[in-house]
Amino acid sequence: MHLPKLIGVFLLVFAGLMFVKAVALMVDSWDAIQNFTQCTPTDAAVCGEALYRATGVSIWAGQSVLTATQFWAALLGPIANVFFWMIVLLIGIIFYKSGHMVLPIEESVRDLADIKKRHR
């Protein structure tokens, strides 16, 4: 009876920490993209390296703006990660609350001797 609640608590704690980490990485990716767009052409190599470390997106030599593909490749991974940990959090809540659920199952017991007497 308490095992689903225990599993739910562990999922809530673990997923909560990972959700916070995923949000921080998403914000860090957004900041790296914003910093790259504000770089001067002389600092493009340094900004490109920082963008690569934060998001994994490679910048071509002499490139000063991100293409749409690079922009979305840098953001969609962290956004998907946030949604994944949000779903795990919801699953943890479901496990934690499973002891409070009431299943509408009706049980009826009939005596076989009563059924045999009626048919005679």
Protein backbone atom coordinates (compact mmCIF):
# COMPACT_ATOMS: atom_id res chain seq x y z
CA MET A 1 0.00 0.00 0.00
CA HIS A 2 2.81 2.42 0.82
CA LEU A 3 5.15 1.33 -1.99
CA PRO A 4 3.50 3.47 -4.72
CA LYS A 5 3.60 6.47 -2.38
CA LEU A 6 7.32 5.86 -1.69
CA ILE A 7 8.04 5.55 -5.40
CA GLY A 8 6.07 8.76 -5.96
CA VAL A 9 8.12 10.64 -3.36
CA PHE A 10 11.40 9.52 -4.94
CA LEU A 11 10.12 10.48 -8.39
CA LEU A 12 8.98 13.88 -7.11
CA VAL A 13 12.33 14.68 -5.48
CA PHE A 14 14.45 13.41 -8.37
CA ALA A 15 12.28 14.90 -11.11
CA GLY A 16 12.01 18.18 -9.21
CA LEU A 17 15.79 18.53 -9.10
CA MET A 18 16.17 17.55 -12.73
CA PHE A 19 13.36 19.94 -13.74
CA VAL A 20 15.20 22.82 -12.05
CA LYS A 21 18.41 21.79 -13.82
CA ALA A 22 16.61 21.58 -17.19
CA VAL A 23 15.13 25.06 -16.72
CA ALA A 24 18.58 26.42 -15.82
CA LEU A 25 20.08 24.85 -18.96
CA MET A 26 17.26 26.23 -21.08
CA VAL A 27 17.87 29.75 -19.72
CA ASP A 28 21.63 29.30 -20.22
CA SER A 29 21.05 28.30 -23.86
CA TRP A 30 18.85 31.34 -24.41
CA ASP A 31 21.47 33.61 -22.83
CA ALA A 32 24.19 32.10 -25.03
CA ILE A 33 22.10 32.77 -28.14
CA GLN A 34 21.42 36.35 -27.03
CA ASN A 35 25.12 36.94 -26.30
CA PHE A 36 26.10 35.57 -29.71
CA THR A 37 23.73 37.92 -31.53
CA GLN A 38 25.20 40.89 -29.65
CA CYS A 39 28.86 39.99 -30.38
CA THR A 40 31.04 42.20 -32.51
CA PRO A 41 32.77 40.66 -35.55
CA THR A 42 36.11 40.75 -33.72
CA ASP A 43 34.71 38.64 -30.85
CA ALA A 44 32.82 36.20 -33.08
CA ALA A 45 35.28 33.34 -32.50
CA VAL A 46 35.04 33.67 -28.71
CA CYS A 47 31.26 34.01 -28.81
CA GLY A 48 30.98 31.07 -31.20
CA GLU A 49 32.99 28.89 -28.83
CA ALA A 50 30.82 29.94 -25.88
CA LEU A 51 27.69 29.18 -27.92
CA TYR A 52 29.07 25.75 -28.83
CA ARG A 53 29.83 24.91 -25.18
CA ALA A 54 26.36 26.03 -24.04
CA THR A 55 24.21 24.58 -26.82
CA GLY A 56 26.31 22.29 -29.02
CA VAL A 57 25.62 24.43 -32.10
CA SER A 58 28.65 24.97 -34.37
CA ILE A 59 29.24 28.32 -36.02
CA TRP A 60 30.94 28.68 -39.39
CA ALA A 61 33.95 30.94 -39.76
CA GLY A 62 32.83 34.52 -40.36
CA GLN A 63 29.23 33.82 -39.42
CA SER A 64 27.75 36.67 -37.40
CA VAL A 65 24.08 35.63 -37.14
CA LEU A 66 22.44 32.30 -36.44
CA THR A 67 20.39 30.59 -39.11
CA ALA A 68 16.86 29.50 -38.20
CA THR A 69 18.02 25.88 -38.07
CA GLN A 70 20.86 26.70 -35.69
CA PHE A 71 18.56 28.80 -33.51
CA TRP A 72 15.93 26.07 -33.15
CA ALA A 73 18.53 23.32 -32.77
CA ALA A 74 19.98 25.26 -29.86
CA LEU A 75 16.62 25.76 -28.12
CA LEU A 76 14.48 22.71 -28.88
CA GLY A 77 16.69 20.27 -26.96
CA PRO A 78 16.50 22.18 -23.67
CA ILE A 79 12.77 22.89 -24.12
CA ALA A 80 12.06 19.19 -24.74
CA ASN A 81 14.13 18.35 -21.66
CA VAL A 82 11.99 20.69 -19.53
CA PHE A 83 8.79 19.07 -20.79
CA PHE A 84 10.18 15.57 -20.20
CA TRP A 85 10.96 16.29 -16.55
CA MET A 86 7.57 18.00 -16.15
CA ILE A 87 5.90 14.76 -17.30
CA VAL A 88 8.03 12.73 -14.88
CA LEU A 89 6.93 15.14 -12.12
CA LEU A 90 3.29 14.53 -13.01
CA ILE A 91 3.85 10.76 -12.97
CA GLY A 92 5.42 11.15 -9.51
CA ILE A 93 2.35 13.07 -8.34
CA ILE A 94 0.08 10.34 -9.70
CA PHE A 95 2.06 7.67 -7.83
CA TYR A 96 2.09 9.75 -4.66
CA LYS A 97 -1.66 10.35 -4.79
CA SER A 98 -2.49 6.75 -5.71
CA GLY A 99 -3.40 5.92 -2.11
CA HIS A 100 -6.20 8.50 -2.19
CA MET A 101 -7.88 7.17 -5.31
CA VAL A 102 -11.14 5.31 -4.93
CA LEU A 103 -11.85 2.71 -7.55
CA PRO A 104 -15.56 2.16 -8.19
CA ILE A 105 -15.54 -1.61 -8.00
CA GLU A 106 -18.63 -3.26 -6.61
CA GLU A 107 -18.44 -6.68 -5.05
CA SER A 108 -21.48 -8.88 -4.68
CA VAL A 109 -21.53 -12.23 -2.91
CA ARG A 110 -24.33 -14.72 -3.52
CA ASP A 111 -24.91 -17.93 -1.69
CA LEU A 112 -25.09 -20.87 -4.08
CA ALA A 113 -27.66 -22.65 -1.89
CA ASP A 114 -30.12 -19.80 -2.46
CA ILE A 115 -29.71 -20.04 -6.23
CA LYS A 116 -30.32 -23.82 -6.24
CA LYS A 117 -33.51 -23.47 -4.14
CA ARG A 118 -34.99 -20.94 -6.59
CA HIS A 119 -34.54 -23.17 -9.63
CA ARG A 120 -36.42 -26.17 -8.06
